[in-house]
N, C-alpha and C. Protein backbone atom coordinates (compact mmCIF):
# COMPACT_ATOMS: atom_id res chain seq x y z
N MET A 1 -38.13 210.17 152.56
CA MET A 1 -37.46 209.64 153.07
C MET A 1 -37.84 209.85 154.91
N LYS A 2 -38.14 207.87 155.24
CA LYS A 2 -38.28 207.72 156.82
C LYS A 2 -37.15 208.07 157.31
N MET A 3 -38.12 208.27 158.60
CA MET A 3 -37.00 208.60 159.71
C MET A 3 -35.96 207.56 159.73
N ASP A 4 -36.54 206.55 159.89
CA ASP A 4 -35.04 205.64 160.43
C ASP A 4 -33.53 205.97 159.42
N ASP A 5 -34.37 206.42 157.74
CA ASP A 5 -33.77 206.12 156.77
C ASP A 5 -32.58 207.76 156.89
N SER A 6 -33.34 208.63 157.30
CA SER A 6 -32.65 209.60 157.75
C SER A 6 -31.60 209.35 158.78
N VAL A 7 -31.74 208.46 159.61
CA VAL A 7 -30.63 208.23 161.12
C VAL A 7 -30.00 207.91 160.23
N ARG A 8 -29.93 206.38 159.56
CA ARG A 8 -28.90 205.70 158.97
C ARG A 8 -28.25 206.41 157.81
N ARG A 9 -28.53 207.32 156.99
CA ARG A 9 -28.22 208.30 155.97
C ARG A 9 -27.31 208.98 157.03
N GLN A 10 -27.35 209.76 158.30
CA GLN A 10 -26.37 210.44 159.21
C GLN A 10 -25.42 209.80 159.63
N GLU A 11 -25.47 208.07 159.89
CA GLU A 11 -24.58 207.60 160.34
C GLU A 11 -23.32 207.40 159.23
N LEU A 12 -23.78 206.74 157.73
CA LEU A 12 -23.19 206.81 156.95
C LEU A 12 -22.37 207.60 156.59
N LEU A 13 -22.80 209.26 156.36
CA LEU A 13 -22.26 210.25 156.54
C LEU A 13 -21.06 210.38 157.77
N SER A 14 -21.46 209.86 158.86
CA SER A 14 -20.70 210.34 159.92
C SER A 14 -19.23 209.37 159.84
N SER A 15 -19.80 208.00 159.58
CA SER A 15 -18.73 207.15 159.35
C SER A 15 -17.94 207.12 158.54
N ALA A 16 -18.23 207.66 157.17
CA ALA A 16 -17.62 208.09 155.74
C ALA A 16 -16.83 209.15 156.70
N ALA A 17 -17.72 210.24 156.68
CA ALA A 17 -16.09 211.77 157.22
C ALA A 17 -15.09 210.54 158.35
N ARG A 18 -15.04 209.87 158.98
CA ARG A 18 -14.01 209.46 160.27
C ARG A 18 -13.36 208.66 158.80
N LEU A 19 -13.48 207.67 158.29
CA LEU A 19 -13.04 207.13 157.28
C LEU A 19 -12.24 207.88 156.41
N PHE A 20 -13.10 208.68 155.88
CA PHE A 20 -12.34 209.33 155.02
C PHE A 20 -10.84 210.80 155.63
N ARG A 21 -11.46 210.73 156.97
CA ARG A 21 -10.17 211.96 157.58
C ARG A 21 -9.15 210.52 157.87
N ASP A 22 -9.24 209.94 158.30
CA ASP A 22 -8.43 208.66 158.83
C ASP A 22 -7.78 208.32 157.69
N VAL A 23 -7.59 207.60 156.62
CA VAL A 23 -7.58 207.05 155.37
C VAL A 23 -7.35 207.81 154.27
N GLY A 24 -8.14 208.79 154.22
CA GLY A 24 -8.72 209.33 152.88
C GLY A 24 -9.36 209.12 152.27
N TYR A 25 -9.35 209.70 151.11
CA TYR A 25 -11.26 209.65 150.18
C TYR A 25 -10.98 208.32 149.55
N ALA A 26 -9.54 208.30 148.42
CA ALA A 26 -9.22 207.72 147.53
C ALA A 26 -8.85 205.86 148.24
N ARG A 27 -8.09 205.87 149.85
CA ARG A 27 -8.28 204.43 150.03
C ARG A 27 -9.25 204.68 150.77
N ALA A 28 -10.49 204.92 151.62
CA ALA A 28 -11.40 204.45 152.21
C ALA A 28 -12.83 203.82 150.60
N THR A 29 -13.06 202.78 151.14
CA THR A 29 -13.58 202.08 150.16
C THR A 29 -15.47 202.26 150.65
N VAL A 30 -16.29 202.16 149.64
CA VAL A 30 -17.66 202.05 150.29
C VAL A 30 -18.16 200.64 151.34
N ARG A 31 -16.95 199.38 151.01
CA ARG A 31 -17.17 198.36 151.98
C ARG A 31 -16.78 199.20 153.18
N ASP A 32 -15.74 199.75 153.25
CA ASP A 32 -15.47 200.20 154.48
C ASP A 32 -16.64 200.70 155.25
N ILE A 33 -16.95 201.76 154.47
CA ILE A 33 -18.26 202.56 155.09
C ILE A 33 -19.20 201.70 155.52
N ALA A 34 -19.31 201.05 154.45
CA ALA A 34 -20.91 199.97 155.03
C ALA A 34 -20.66 199.18 156.73
N LYS A 35 -19.40 198.85 156.52
CA LYS A 35 -19.06 197.43 157.36
C LYS A 35 -18.54 198.36 158.67
N ALA A 36 -18.77 199.96 158.64
CA ALA A 36 -18.35 200.76 159.67
C ALA A 36 -19.78 200.93 160.64
N VAL A 37 -20.83 200.52 159.69
CA VAL A 37 -22.13 200.90 160.17
C VAL A 37 -22.82 199.76 160.29
N GLY A 38 -22.47 198.43 160.05
CA GLY A 38 -23.31 197.38 160.02
C GLY A 38 -24.09 196.73 158.76
N ILE A 39 -23.83 197.72 157.66
CA ILE A 39 -24.46 197.40 156.56
C ILE A 39 -24.11 196.06 155.23
N GLN A 40 -24.36 195.89 154.53
CA GLN A 40 -23.89 195.54 152.90
C GLN A 40 -23.64 196.38 152.38
N SER A 41 -22.12 196.36 151.56
CA SER A 41 -22.13 197.39 150.62
C SER A 41 -22.72 197.86 150.01
N GLY A 42 -23.39 196.94 149.20
CA GLY A 42 -24.43 197.78 148.32
C GLY A 42 -25.69 198.64 148.88
N SER A 43 -26.13 198.57 150.11
CA SER A 43 -27.28 198.61 150.51
C SER A 43 -26.82 200.82 150.64
N ILE A 44 -25.42 200.82 150.90
CA ILE A 44 -25.35 202.02 150.69
C ILE A 44 -25.87 202.96 149.49
N PHE A 45 -25.75 202.49 148.40
CA PHE A 45 -26.33 202.91 147.27
C PHE A 45 -28.03 203.00 147.16
N TYR A 46 -28.82 202.89 148.32
CA TYR A 46 -29.75 203.15 148.57
C TYR A 46 -30.08 204.41 148.63
N TYR A 47 -29.17 205.15 149.75
CA TYR A 47 -28.60 206.36 149.86
C TYR A 47 -27.88 207.30 149.25
N PHE A 48 -27.14 206.78 148.59
CA PHE A 48 -25.83 207.47 147.64
C PHE A 48 -26.00 207.24 146.53
N LYS A 49 -25.45 207.76 145.48
CA LYS A 49 -25.91 206.94 143.96
C LYS A 49 -24.56 206.53 143.41
N THR A 50 -23.17 207.58 144.24
CA THR A 50 -21.72 206.83 143.97
C THR A 50 -21.14 207.48 145.62
N LYS A 51 -20.04 207.02 145.24
CA LYS A 51 -19.27 207.24 146.75
C LYS A 51 -18.73 208.83 146.67
N GLU A 52 -18.60 209.74 145.54
CA GLU A 52 -18.29 210.90 145.79
C GLU A 52 -19.34 211.50 146.05
N ASP A 53 -21.14 211.15 145.88
CA ASP A 53 -21.79 211.79 146.54
C ASP A 53 -21.41 211.88 147.97
N ILE A 54 -21.20 210.66 148.34
CA ILE A 54 -21.21 211.01 149.95
C ILE A 54 -20.43 211.79 150.69
N LEU A 55 -19.15 212.25 149.95
CA LEU A 55 -18.08 212.99 149.97
C LEU A 55 -18.37 214.33 149.78
N VAL A 56 -19.68 214.64 148.94
CA VAL A 56 -19.95 216.12 148.71
C VAL A 56 -21.01 216.29 149.84
N ASP A 57 -21.91 215.12 150.60
CA ASP A 57 -22.15 215.53 151.49
C ASP A 57 -21.53 215.43 153.06
N VAL A 58 -20.27 215.17 152.56
CA VAL A 58 -19.92 215.32 154.01
C VAL A 58 -19.17 216.85 153.80
N MET A 59 -18.81 217.00 152.93
CA MET A 59 -18.33 218.57 152.47
C MET A 59 -19.27 219.68 152.36
N GLU A 60 -20.43 219.41 152.13
CA GLU A 60 -21.34 220.73 152.56
C GLU A 60 -21.78 220.58 153.54
N THR A 61 -22.13 219.55 154.22
CA THR A 61 -22.15 220.22 155.77
C THR A 61 -21.21 220.42 156.59
N ALA A 62 -20.56 220.20 156.41
CA ALA A 62 -18.95 221.05 156.98
C ALA A 62 -18.95 222.41 156.40
N MET A 63 -19.05 222.74 155.30
CA MET A 63 -19.30 224.03 154.48
C MET A 63 -20.70 224.60 155.23
N GLN A 64 -21.44 224.43 155.46
CA GLN A 64 -23.04 225.02 155.59
C GLN A 64 -22.79 225.55 157.31
N ALA A 65 -22.06 224.86 157.94
CA ALA A 65 -21.60 225.09 159.60
C ALA A 65 -20.71 226.49 159.41
N PHE A 66 -20.26 226.58 158.47
CA PHE A 66 -19.29 227.93 158.69
C PHE A 66 -20.22 229.34 157.55
N VAL A 67 -20.83 228.64 156.54
CA VAL A 67 -22.05 229.38 156.68
C VAL A 67 -22.80 229.67 157.53
N GLY A 68 -23.50 229.41 158.47
CA GLY A 68 -24.46 229.44 159.05
C GLY A 68 -23.32 230.42 160.27
N ALA A 69 -22.88 230.10 160.63
CA ALA A 69 -20.97 231.03 161.60
C ALA A 69 -21.21 232.18 161.29
N ALA A 70 -21.00 232.05 160.02
CA ALA A 70 -20.42 233.72 159.38
C ALA A 70 -22.28 234.77 159.21
N GLN A 71 -22.69 234.10 159.09
CA GLN A 71 -24.10 235.06 158.86
C GLN A 71 -24.65 235.26 160.47
N ARG A 72 -24.67 234.32 161.61
CA ARG A 72 -25.25 234.71 162.70
C ARG A 72 -23.63 235.77 163.01
N ALA A 73 -22.22 235.60 163.11
CA ALA A 73 -21.27 237.09 163.56
C ALA A 73 -21.72 237.81 162.90
N LEU A 74 -22.32 238.41 161.91
CA LEU A 74 -22.32 239.46 161.23
C LEU A 74 -23.88 239.66 161.46
N ARG A 75 -25.18 239.21 161.91
CA ARG A 75 -25.79 239.21 162.36
C ARG A 75 -25.82 240.34 163.91
N ASP A 76 -25.42 238.99 164.60
CA ASP A 76 -25.01 239.40 165.63
C ASP A 76 -24.48 240.55 166.50
N ALA A 77 -23.61 240.81 166.27
CA ALA A 77 -22.09 242.17 166.47
C ALA A 77 -22.49 242.98 165.48
N SER A 78 -22.23 244.25 166.44
CA SER A 78 -22.70 245.59 166.00
C SER A 78 -21.23 246.23 165.66
N THR A 79 -20.10 245.88 165.86
CA THR A 79 -18.82 246.95 166.05
C THR A 79 -18.42 246.10 165.18
N PRO A 80 -17.49 246.97 163.98
CA PRO A 80 -16.21 245.83 163.04
C PRO A 80 -15.76 245.35 164.03
N ARG A 81 -15.00 245.59 165.11
CA ARG A 81 -14.06 244.57 165.72
C ARG A 81 -15.26 243.11 166.48
N GLY A 82 -16.27 243.55 167.00
CA GLY A 82 -17.69 242.83 167.66
C GLY A 82 -17.80 241.58 166.12
N LYS A 83 -17.56 241.65 165.46
CA LYS A 83 -18.24 241.22 164.20
C LYS A 83 -16.99 240.09 163.23
N LEU A 84 -15.45 240.80 163.62
CA LEU A 84 -14.42 240.09 163.17
C LEU A 84 -14.22 238.92 164.31
N ARG A 85 -14.87 239.70 165.70
CA ARG A 85 -14.48 238.67 167.24
C ARG A 85 -15.31 237.63 166.52
N GLU A 86 -16.83 237.70 166.27
CA GLU A 86 -17.54 236.75 166.43
C GLU A 86 -17.62 235.68 165.21
N LEU A 87 -16.90 236.63 164.45
CA LEU A 87 -16.64 235.32 163.04
C LEU A 87 -15.25 234.34 163.31
N PHE A 88 -14.76 234.89 164.14
CA PHE A 88 -13.62 234.01 164.37
C PHE A 88 -14.02 232.41 165.56
N VAL A 89 -14.48 233.17 166.68
CA VAL A 89 -15.39 232.31 167.66
C VAL A 89 -16.30 231.49 166.37
N GLY A 90 -17.84 232.24 165.70
CA GLY A 90 -17.98 231.08 164.89
C GLY A 90 -17.17 230.01 164.31
N HIS A 91 -16.07 230.61 162.96
CA HIS A 91 -15.11 229.89 162.69
C HIS A 91 -14.95 228.58 163.66
N LEU A 92 -14.44 228.98 164.79
CA LEU A 92 -13.56 227.77 165.24
C LEU A 92 -14.37 226.99 166.02
N LYS A 93 -16.02 226.99 166.26
CA LYS A 93 -16.39 226.22 167.06
C LYS A 93 -17.06 225.75 165.59
N ALA A 94 -17.36 225.63 164.66
CA ALA A 94 -17.73 224.59 163.68
C ALA A 94 -16.50 224.29 162.97
N LEU A 95 -15.36 224.59 162.82
CA LEU A 95 -14.34 223.92 162.77
C LEU A 95 -14.42 222.75 163.70
N HIS A 96 -14.19 223.00 165.14
CA HIS A 96 -14.29 221.66 166.17
C HIS A 96 -15.06 221.21 166.59
N GLY A 97 -16.37 221.82 165.58
CA GLY A 97 -17.66 221.66 166.52
C GLY A 97 -17.13 219.61 165.94
N SER A 98 -17.16 219.50 164.45
CA SER A 98 -17.72 218.03 163.54
C SER A 98 -16.12 218.42 162.99
N THR A 99 -15.60 217.32 163.50
CA THR A 99 -14.01 217.74 163.43
C THR A 99 -13.52 216.46 162.42
N ASP A 100 -14.13 215.73 162.26
CA ASP A 100 -14.01 214.72 160.94
C ASP A 100 -14.88 215.48 159.72
N GLU A 101 -15.38 215.94 159.85
CA GLU A 101 -16.07 216.84 158.31
C GLU A 101 -15.46 217.86 157.78
N THR A 102 -15.03 218.70 158.65
CA THR A 102 -13.67 219.73 158.53
C THR A 102 -12.78 219.26 157.87
N ALA A 103 -12.08 218.46 158.77
CA ALA A 103 -10.49 217.80 157.98
C ALA A 103 -10.92 217.40 157.27
N VAL A 104 -12.17 216.72 156.56
CA VAL A 104 -12.53 216.50 155.04
C VAL A 104 -12.25 217.15 154.09
N VAL A 105 -13.25 218.30 154.73
CA VAL A 105 -13.53 219.84 153.85
C VAL A 105 -11.98 220.51 153.43
N LEU A 106 -11.27 220.73 154.57
CA LEU A 106 -9.40 220.95 154.40
C LEU A 106 -8.93 220.14 153.40
N SER A 107 -8.72 219.04 153.45
CA SER A 107 -8.06 218.33 152.80
C SER A 107 -8.73 217.06 151.22
N GLU A 108 -9.44 216.94 151.20
CA GLU A 108 -9.70 216.64 149.94
C GLU A 108 -10.27 217.65 149.05
N TRP A 109 -10.03 218.58 149.26
CA TRP A 109 -10.69 219.10 147.47
C TRP A 109 -10.35 218.61 146.38
N ARG A 110 -9.27 217.98 146.36
CA ARG A 110 -8.44 217.89 145.10
C ARG A 110 -9.12 215.87 145.23
N SER A 111 -10.40 215.97 145.41
CA SER A 111 -10.98 214.33 145.39
C SER A 111 -12.17 214.27 144.45
N LEU A 112 -12.63 215.68 144.28
CA LEU A 112 -14.09 216.07 144.09
C LEU A 112 -13.84 216.29 141.93
N SER A 113 -14.78 216.04 141.88
CA SER A 113 -15.05 216.12 140.02
C SER A 113 -15.24 217.89 139.79
N PRO A 114 -14.46 218.36 138.74
CA PRO A 114 -14.79 219.80 138.59
C PRO A 114 -16.56 220.07 138.82
N LYS A 115 -17.10 219.38 138.95
CA LYS A 115 -18.90 219.48 139.34
C LYS A 115 -18.93 219.78 140.36
N SER A 116 -18.45 218.83 141.34
CA SER A 116 -18.71 218.59 142.84
C SER A 116 -18.03 220.00 143.28
N ARG A 117 -16.70 220.14 143.08
CA ARG A 117 -16.32 220.95 143.65
C ARG A 117 -16.91 222.27 143.14
N ARG A 118 -17.33 222.81 142.40
CA ARG A 118 -18.01 224.04 141.80
C ARG A 118 -19.27 223.75 143.08
N ARG A 119 -19.83 223.10 143.63
CA ARG A 119 -20.90 223.22 144.79
C ARG A 119 -20.66 223.69 145.89
N ILE A 120 -19.38 223.23 146.30
CA ILE A 120 -18.55 223.38 147.82
C ILE A 120 -17.87 224.81 147.11
N VAL A 121 -17.48 225.04 146.34
CA VAL A 121 -16.58 226.83 145.72
C VAL A 121 -18.06 227.50 146.30
N LYS A 122 -18.90 227.23 145.50
CA LYS A 122 -20.02 228.52 145.71
C LYS A 122 -20.38 228.67 147.12
N LEU A 123 -20.36 227.47 148.41
CA LEU A 123 -20.21 227.64 150.14
C LEU A 123 -19.20 228.41 150.16
N ARG A 124 -17.67 227.93 150.15
CA ARG A 124 -16.70 229.10 150.38
C ARG A 124 -16.91 230.26 150.01
N ASP A 125 -17.47 230.49 148.92
CA ASP A 125 -17.34 232.20 148.23
C ASP A 125 -18.25 232.47 149.05
N GLN A 126 -19.51 231.95 149.75
CA GLN A 126 -19.95 232.43 150.69
C GLN A 126 -19.87 233.07 151.74
N VAL A 127 -18.58 232.59 152.27
CA VAL A 127 -18.41 232.19 153.81
C VAL A 127 -16.74 233.66 153.12
N ASP A 128 -16.28 233.37 152.36
CA ASP A 128 -15.38 234.58 152.51
C ASP A 128 -15.80 236.00 152.13
N GLY A 129 -17.42 235.68 151.08
CA GLY A 129 -17.74 236.83 151.16
C GLY A 129 -18.55 237.98 152.18
N MET A 130 -18.56 237.01 153.48
CA MET A 130 -19.19 237.67 154.87
C MET A 130 -17.65 238.13 155.38
N TRP A 131 -16.55 237.38 155.35
CA TRP A 131 -15.17 237.87 156.03
C TRP A 131 -14.72 238.82 155.25
N ASP A 132 -15.13 239.06 153.80
CA ASP A 132 -14.56 240.22 152.84
C ASP A 132 -15.20 241.21 153.79
N GLU A 133 -16.54 241.01 153.74
CA GLU A 133 -16.90 242.26 154.38
C GLU A 133 -17.09 242.72 155.69
N ALA A 134 -16.80 242.02 156.38
CA ALA A 134 -16.21 241.85 157.82
C ALA A 134 -14.89 243.07 158.04
N LEU A 135 -13.97 242.96 157.05
CA LEU A 135 -12.86 243.33 156.60
C LEU A 135 -12.98 244.55 156.46
N ARG A 136 -13.56 244.51 154.98
CA ARG A 136 -13.88 246.38 154.58
C ARG A 136 -14.29 247.06 155.52
N ASP A 137 -15.12 246.37 157.17
CA ASP A 137 -15.73 247.20 157.45
C ASP A 137 -14.53 247.69 158.68
N ALA A 138 -13.77 247.13 158.59
CA ALA A 138 -12.53 246.76 159.92
C ALA A 138 -11.73 247.49 159.64
N SER A 139 -11.50 247.66 158.22
CA SER A 139 -10.54 248.43 157.27
C SER A 139 -10.92 250.11 157.77
N THR A 140 -12.15 250.02 157.26
CA THR A 140 -12.89 251.64 157.38
C THR A 140 -12.49 252.41 158.35
N ALA A 141 -12.84 251.12 159.96
CA ALA A 141 -12.52 251.26 161.06
C ALA A 141 -11.17 251.94 161.35
N GLY A 142 -10.16 251.25 160.74
CA GLY A 142 -8.53 251.91 160.57
C GLY A 142 -8.01 250.80 161.56
N LEU A 143 -8.63 249.16 161.41
CA LEU A 143 -8.41 248.24 162.79
C LEU A 143 -7.98 247.24 162.13
N VAL A 144 -7.72 247.07 160.36
CA VAL A 144 -6.84 246.39 159.99
C VAL A 144 -6.44 247.04 158.67
N ARG A 145 -5.28 246.84 157.71
CA ARG A 145 -5.02 247.53 156.71
C ARG A 145 -4.50 246.44 155.72
N GLY A 146 -4.16 247.29 154.61
CA GLY A 146 -3.54 246.02 153.50
C GLY A 146 -4.70 245.43 152.59
N ASP A 147 -3.60 244.46 151.90
CA ASP A 147 -4.06 243.20 151.00
C ASP A 147 -5.16 242.81 152.05
N LEU A 148 -6.20 242.87 151.76
CA LEU A 148 -7.33 242.43 152.40
C LEU A 148 -8.18 240.70 152.33
N ARG A 149 -7.76 240.40 151.15
CA ARG A 149 -8.03 239.45 150.75
C ARG A 149 -6.45 238.11 151.31
N LEU A 150 -5.59 239.12 151.09
CA LEU A 150 -4.56 238.84 151.85
C LEU A 150 -4.60 237.89 153.15
N LEU A 151 -5.18 238.82 153.86
CA LEU A 151 -5.39 239.26 155.42
C LEU A 151 -6.73 237.92 155.59
N ARG A 152 -7.46 238.03 154.81
CA ARG A 152 -8.89 237.05 155.14
C ARG A 152 -7.59 235.56 154.77
N LEU A 153 -7.25 235.90 153.44
CA LEU A 153 -6.75 234.33 153.77
C LEU A 153 -5.90 233.59 154.77
N ALA A 154 -4.71 234.56 155.54
CA ALA A 154 -4.19 234.29 155.97
C ALA A 154 -5.01 234.27 157.46
N MET A 155 -6.17 234.42 157.89
CA MET A 155 -6.59 234.53 159.21
C MET A 155 -7.41 233.09 159.25
N LEU A 156 -8.15 232.85 158.12
CA LEU A 156 -8.43 231.59 157.61
C LEU A 156 -7.51 230.51 157.77
N GLY A 157 -6.73 230.86 157.32
CA GLY A 157 -5.44 229.57 157.09
C GLY A 157 -4.94 229.50 158.33
N SER A 158 -5.23 230.50 159.55
CA SER A 158 -4.45 229.84 160.65
C SER A 158 -5.65 229.49 161.76
N LEU A 159 -6.84 229.66 161.77
CA LEU A 159 -7.55 229.55 162.18
C LEU A 159 -8.48 227.82 161.83
N ASN A 160 -8.09 227.53 160.81
CA ASN A 160 -8.18 226.02 159.93
C ASN A 160 -7.04 225.21 160.19
N TRP A 161 -5.62 225.93 160.22
CA TRP A 161 -4.82 224.79 160.79
C TRP A 161 -4.69 224.52 162.31
N SER A 162 -6.02 225.58 163.40
CA SER A 162 -5.63 224.42 164.83
C SER A 162 -6.41 223.48 165.21
N LEU A 163 -6.57 222.93 163.83
CA LEU A 163 -7.41 221.54 163.79
C LEU A 163 -6.29 220.50 164.27
N GLN A 164 -4.96 220.95 163.91
CA GLN A 164 -4.23 219.88 163.45
C GLN A 164 -4.01 220.30 164.82
N TRP A 165 -3.64 221.31 165.54
CA TRP A 165 -3.12 221.29 167.41
C TRP A 165 -3.76 222.00 168.49
N TYR A 166 -4.87 222.14 167.98
CA TYR A 166 -5.76 222.94 169.23
C TYR A 166 -6.37 221.79 170.01
N ALA A 167 -6.40 221.38 171.12
CA ALA A 167 -7.13 220.33 171.64
C ALA A 167 -8.15 221.76 173.20
N PRO A 168 -9.54 221.33 172.94
CA PRO A 168 -10.45 221.66 173.74
C PRO A 168 -10.07 221.73 175.27
N LYS A 169 -9.60 220.44 175.75
CA LYS A 169 -9.00 220.52 177.01
C LYS A 169 -8.02 221.22 177.15
N GLY A 170 -7.25 221.04 176.31
CA GLY A 170 -5.87 222.12 176.43
C GLY A 170 -5.43 223.32 177.31
N GLY A 171 -6.59 223.96 177.35
CA GLY A 171 -6.05 224.86 178.64
C GLY A 171 -6.88 226.21 178.08
N LEU A 172 -6.96 226.42 176.83
CA LEU A 172 -8.09 227.53 176.25
C LEU A 172 -9.44 227.23 175.50
N SER A 173 -10.14 228.53 176.00
CA SER A 173 -11.58 227.97 175.67
C SER A 173 -11.55 227.95 174.07
N ILE A 174 -12.62 227.92 172.97
CA ILE A 174 -12.67 228.55 171.88
C ILE A 174 -12.86 230.16 172.05
N GLU A 175 -13.52 230.75 172.52
CA GLU A 175 -13.60 232.03 172.74
C GLU A 175 -11.89 232.67 173.36
N GLU A 176 -11.64 231.64 174.07
CA GLU A 176 -10.20 232.42 174.54
C GLU A 176 -9.39 232.55 173.23
N LEU A 177 -9.09 230.95 172.74
CA LEU A 177 -8.70 231.12 171.04
C LEU A 177 -8.60 232.50 170.33
N ALA A 178 -9.84 232.57 169.84
CA ALA A 178 -10.52 233.52 169.54
C ALA A 178 -10.28 235.16 169.06
N ASP A 179 -10.01 235.61 170.70
CA ASP A 179 -9.31 236.64 171.15
C ASP A 179 -7.54 236.25 171.20
N ARG A 180 -6.91 235.67 170.95
CA ARG A 180 -6.20 235.48 171.26
C ARG A 180 -5.84 235.78 169.63
N PHE A 181 -6.50 235.29 168.63
CA PHE A 181 -6.47 235.61 167.31
C PHE A 181 -6.69 236.56 167.21
N LEU A 182 -7.68 237.18 167.09
CA LEU A 182 -7.79 238.67 166.56
C LEU A 182 -7.28 239.51 167.13
N ASP A 183 -6.37 239.43 168.90
CA ASP A 183 -5.11 240.56 169.05
C ASP A 183 -3.91 240.50 168.36
N PHE A 184 -3.65 239.35 167.68
CA PHE A 184 -2.93 238.92 166.91
C PHE A 184 -3.02 239.35 165.54
N PHE A 185 -4.28 239.81 165.03
CA PHE A 185 -4.39 239.94 163.74
C PHE A 185 -4.47 241.54 163.28
N VAL A 186 -5.32 242.00 164.57
CA VAL A 186 -5.95 243.13 164.77
C VAL A 186 -4.83 244.20 165.25
N SER A 187 -4.31 243.86 166.23
CA SER A 187 -3.60 244.34 166.82
C SER A 187 -2.23 244.81 165.64
N SER A 188 -2.15 243.57 165.43
CA SER A 188 -0.61 243.89 164.54
C SER A 188 -0.73 244.88 163.77
N SER A 189 -2.15 244.64 162.82
CA SER A 189 -1.94 245.55 161.81
C SER A 189 -2.23 247.28 162.17
N LYS A 190 -2.84 247.11 163.64
CA LYS A 190 -3.04 249.08 163.53
C LYS A 190 -2.35 249.40 164.42
N SER A 191 -1.36 248.44 165.26
CA SER A 191 -0.09 248.99 165.73
C SER A 191 1.01 249.45 164.54
N ARG A 192 0.73 248.94 163.36
CA ARG A 192 2.03 249.06 162.59
C ARG A 192 1.75 251.03 162.13
N GLY A 193 0.92 251.36 162.11
CA GLY A 193 0.04 252.76 161.78
C GLY A 193 0.66 253.96 161.50
């Protein structure tokens, strides 16, 4: 693919993500996506075979950001608490860095065919596995306890929901927000002692 094609493809993905977020995958048409970038609707099929391929690429982009953030967190932090903090910071940065794409990942799972869903679930499982590793280390260190799978789901659910209410200009930085979440989950678990 030529450089111009790569740029156009990215424009299509960004416009599609915005449309999928605003009106939903089912209501967004190929014509709407094409119009948003100023091309004929048939031209989209030079870049993508189907509308679902666009959705999958949007979701994979967001999921790759989560995978990369989790990998960096586990690599860069040396303590169990530090790993959890970096997971929180990295997840929030990935989540709020590409809000259209991440909103689509969180809201359009049901729009995927089973085959496409498996591709995205594979990436989600990578992220979950890294969180599970950090939570096992934190549990061994006495920082958290109980059902670690449920704790991971609660943590990620809370972080993901911040997409609905968090405004970066609203007072807390991503790092401060991550610290608040971390104190909530780790301090609560630790103090039940």
